[in-house]
Amino acid sequence: MLLIACANLAGLLAARAAARQKEMAIRLALGAGRWPIVRQLLLESVVLSIAGGALGLLVAFWTTRGLLRLVEDEGWLSYAIDFRLLGFAMALSLATGWPSD
């Protein structure tokens, strides 16, 4: 599922980059350095991936609670947040947002 989402997002970001090509050319012509432009694009990508990861974790939390409410007797079924898994999920979303270029 994550691979499909990353592929879709990569396609959207590639289309957006093509649309912003003129903007980047103007910035370079006005004297902006390459590193500040790369930093801005990297920051946008990482913020987008972290927001997506946080939203995914929130949806997973809500659906888990909703599914547990559907079970008649919750005595045999319990859940707890595993912070190692939470950290892994956030690290994975950060890694998927890091550009490969």
C-alpha atoms as a PDB file:
ATOM      1  CA  MET A   1       0.000   0.000   0.000  1.00  0.00           C
ATOM      2  CA  LEU A   2       2.831   2.379   0.874  1.00  0.00           C
ATOM      3  CA  LEU A   3       4.542   1.614  -2.434  1.00  0.00           C
ATOM      4  CA  ILE A   4       1.397   2.478  -4.387  1.00  0.00           C
ATOM      5  CA  ALA A   5       0.921   5.689  -2.413  1.00  0.00           C
ATOM      6  CA  CYS A   6       4.567   6.653  -2.985  1.00  0.00           C
ATOM      7  CA  ALA A   7       4.269   5.987  -6.708  1.00  0.00           C
ATOM      8  CA  ASN A   8       1.132   8.124  -6.941  1.00  0.00           C
ATOM      9  CA  LEU A   9       2.724  10.903  -4.946  1.00  0.00           C
ATOM     10  CA  ALA A  10       5.881  10.741  -7.047  1.00  0.00           C
ATOM     11  CA  GLY A  11       3.780  11.188 -10.169  1.00  0.00           C
ATOM     12  CA  LEU A  12       2.007  14.178  -8.659  1.00  0.00           C
ATOM     13  CA  LEU A  13       5.275  15.741  -7.524  1.00  0.00           C
ATOM     14  CA  ALA A  14       6.826  15.188 -10.969  1.00  0.00           C
ATOM     15  CA  ALA A  15       3.892  16.957 -12.604  1.00  0.00           C
ATOM     16  CA  ARG A  16       4.186  19.770 -10.086  1.00  0.00           C
ATOM     17  CA  ALA A  17       7.924  20.054 -10.732  1.00  0.00           C
ATOM     18  CA  ALA A  18       7.300  20.342 -14.450  1.00  0.00           C
ATOM     19  CA  ALA A  19       4.810  23.123 -13.786  1.00  0.00           C
ATOM     20  CA  ARG A  20       7.297  24.912 -11.508  1.00  0.00           C
ATOM     21  CA  GLN A  21      10.175  24.714 -13.972  1.00  0.00           C
ATOM     22  CA  LYS A  22       9.551  28.278 -15.138  1.00  0.00           C
ATOM     23  CA  GLU A  23       9.517  29.525 -11.537  1.00  0.00           C
ATOM     24  CA  MET A  24      12.865  27.855 -10.820  1.00  0.00           C
ATOM     25  CA  ALA A  25      14.383  29.315 -13.998  1.00  0.00           C
ATOM     26  CA  ILE A  26      13.284  32.805 -12.958  1.00  0.00           C
ATOM     27  CA  ARG A  27      14.732  32.344  -9.469  1.00  0.00           C
ATOM     28  CA  LEU A  28      18.048  31.201 -10.902  1.00  0.00           C
ATOM     29  CA  ALA A  29      18.064  34.126 -13.338  1.00  0.00           C
ATOM     30  CA  LEU A  30      17.466  36.559 -10.476  1.00  0.00           C
ATOM     31  CA  GLY A  31      20.499  35.225  -8.649  1.00  0.00           C
ATOM     32  CA  ALA A  32      19.157  32.637  -6.234  1.00  0.00           C
ATOM     33  CA  GLY A  33      21.678  29.949  -5.481  1.00  0.00           C
ATOM     34  CA  ARG A  34      21.015  26.320  -6.242  1.00  0.00           C
ATOM     35  CA  TRP A  35      21.355  25.239  -2.607  1.00  0.00           C
ATOM     36  CA  PRO A  36      18.523  27.470  -1.259  1.00  0.00           C
ATOM     37  CA  ILE A  37      16.236  26.197  -4.025  1.00  0.00           C
ATOM     38  CA  VAL A  38      17.155  22.583  -3.262  1.00  0.00           C
ATOM     39  CA  ARG A  39      16.590  23.216   0.455  1.00  0.00           C
ATOM     40  CA  GLN A  40      13.143  24.645  -0.214  1.00  0.00           C
ATOM     41  CA  LEU A  41      12.126  21.720  -2.410  1.00  0.00           C
ATOM     42  CA  LEU A  42      13.517  19.241   0.105  1.00  0.00           C
ATOM     43  CA  LEU A  43      11.642  20.909   2.952  1.00  0.00           C
ATOM     44  CA  GLU A  44       8.380  20.853   0.993  1.00  0.00           C
ATOM     45  CA  SER A  45       8.817  17.158   0.246  1.00  0.00           C
ATOM     46  CA  VAL A  46       9.692  16.195   3.821  1.00  0.00           C
ATOM     47  CA  VAL A  47       6.840  18.234   5.333  1.00  0.00           C
ATOM     48  CA  LEU A  48       4.420  16.580   2.917  1.00  0.00           C
ATOM     49  CA  SER A  49       5.644  13.094   3.799  1.00  0.00           C
ATOM     50  CA  ILE A  50       5.572  13.717   7.564  1.00  0.00           C
ATOM     51  CA  ALA A  51       2.051  15.142   7.333  1.00  0.00           C
ATOM     52  CA  GLY A  52       0.969  12.091   5.338  1.00  0.00           C
ATOM     53  CA  GLY A  53       2.568   9.732   7.847  1.00  0.00           C
ATOM     54  CA  ALA A  54       0.939  11.488  10.789  1.00  0.00           C
ATOM     55  CA  LEU A  55      -2.437  11.437   9.058  1.00  0.00           C
ATOM     56  CA  GLY A  56      -2.000   7.731   8.311  1.00  0.00           C
ATOM     57  CA  LEU A  57      -1.206   6.981  11.945  1.00  0.00           C
ATOM     58  CA  LEU A  58      -4.196   8.990  13.088  1.00  0.00           C
ATOM     59  CA  VAL A  59      -6.514   7.122  10.713  1.00  0.00           C
ATOM     60  CA  ALA A  60      -5.043   3.802  11.878  1.00  0.00           C
ATOM     61  CA  PHE A  61      -5.661   4.771  15.510  1.00  0.00           C
ATOM     62  CA  TRP A  62      -9.248   5.804  14.816  1.00  0.00           C
ATOM     63  CA  THR A  63     -10.070   2.712  12.790  1.00  0.00           C
ATOM     64  CA  THR A  64      -8.554   0.445  15.447  1.00  0.00           C
ATOM     65  CA  ARG A  65     -10.731   2.026  18.103  1.00  0.00           C
ATOM     66  CA  GLY A  66     -13.764   1.791  15.823  1.00  0.00           C
ATOM     67  CA  LEU A  67     -13.157  -1.868  15.074  1.00  0.00           C
ATOM     68  CA  LEU A  68     -12.723  -2.641  18.749  1.00  0.00           C
ATOM     69  CA  ARG A  69     -16.097  -1.044  19.455  1.00  0.00           C
ATOM     70  CA  LEU A  70     -17.712  -3.427  16.981  1.00  0.00           C
ATOM     71  CA  VAL A  71     -16.556  -6.415  18.991  1.00  0.00           C
ATOM     72  CA  GLU A  72     -19.182  -7.445  21.536  1.00  0.00           C
ATOM     73  CA  ASP A  73     -16.852  -8.489  24.334  1.00  0.00           C
ATOM     74  CA  GLU A  74     -13.627  -6.506  24.452  1.00  0.00           C
ATOM     75  CA  GLY A  75     -12.284  -8.470  27.402  1.00  0.00           C
ATOM     76  CA  TRP A  76     -10.253 -10.830  25.235  1.00  0.00           C
ATOM     77  CA  LEU A  77      -9.076  -8.150  22.825  1.00  0.00           C
ATOM     78  CA  SER A  78      -6.979  -5.170  23.813  1.00  0.00           C
ATOM     79  CA  TYR A  79      -4.566  -2.810  22.158  1.00  0.00           C
ATOM     80  CA  ALA A  80      -1.817  -0.436  23.144  1.00  0.00           C
ATOM     81  CA  ILE A  81       0.304   2.000  21.204  1.00  0.00           C
ATOM     82  CA  ASP A  82       3.739   0.578  20.517  1.00  0.00           C
ATOM     83  CA  PHE A  83       6.072   3.549  20.367  1.00  0.00           C
ATOM     84  CA  ARG A  84       8.757   1.561  18.556  1.00  0.00           C
ATOM     85  CA  LEU A  85       6.294   0.936  15.744  1.00  0.00           C
ATOM     86  CA  LEU A  86       5.202   4.559  15.840  1.00  0.00           C
ATOM     87  CA  GLY A  87       8.818   5.686  15.501  1.00  0.00           C
ATOM     88  CA  PHE A  88       9.399   3.235  12.658  1.00  0.00           C
ATOM     89  CA  ALA A  89       6.324   4.478  10.797  1.00  0.00           C
ATOM     90  CA  MET A  90       7.413   8.098  11.141  1.00  0.00           C
ATOM     91  CA  ALA A  91      10.979   7.247  10.060  1.00  0.00           C
ATOM     92  CA  LEU A  92       9.578   5.396   7.064  1.00  0.00           C
ATOM     93  CA  SER A  93       7.403   8.339   6.071  1.00  0.00           C
ATOM     94  CA  LEU A  94      10.413  10.637   6.429  1.00  0.00           C
ATOM     95  CA  ALA A  95      12.527   8.300   4.279  1.00  0.00           C
ATOM     96  CA  THR A  96       9.858   8.178   1.566  1.00  0.00           C
ATOM     97  CA  GLY A  97       9.792  11.969   1.451  1.00  0.00           C
ATOM     98  CA  TRP A  98      13.539  12.261   1.020  1.00  0.00           C
ATOM     99  CA  PRO A  99      14.269  12.881  -2.666  1.00  0.00           C
ATOM    100  CA  SER A 100      16.259  10.226  -4.471  1.00  0.00           C
ATOM    101  CA  ASP A 101      17.880  12.622  -6.969  1.00  0.00           C
END
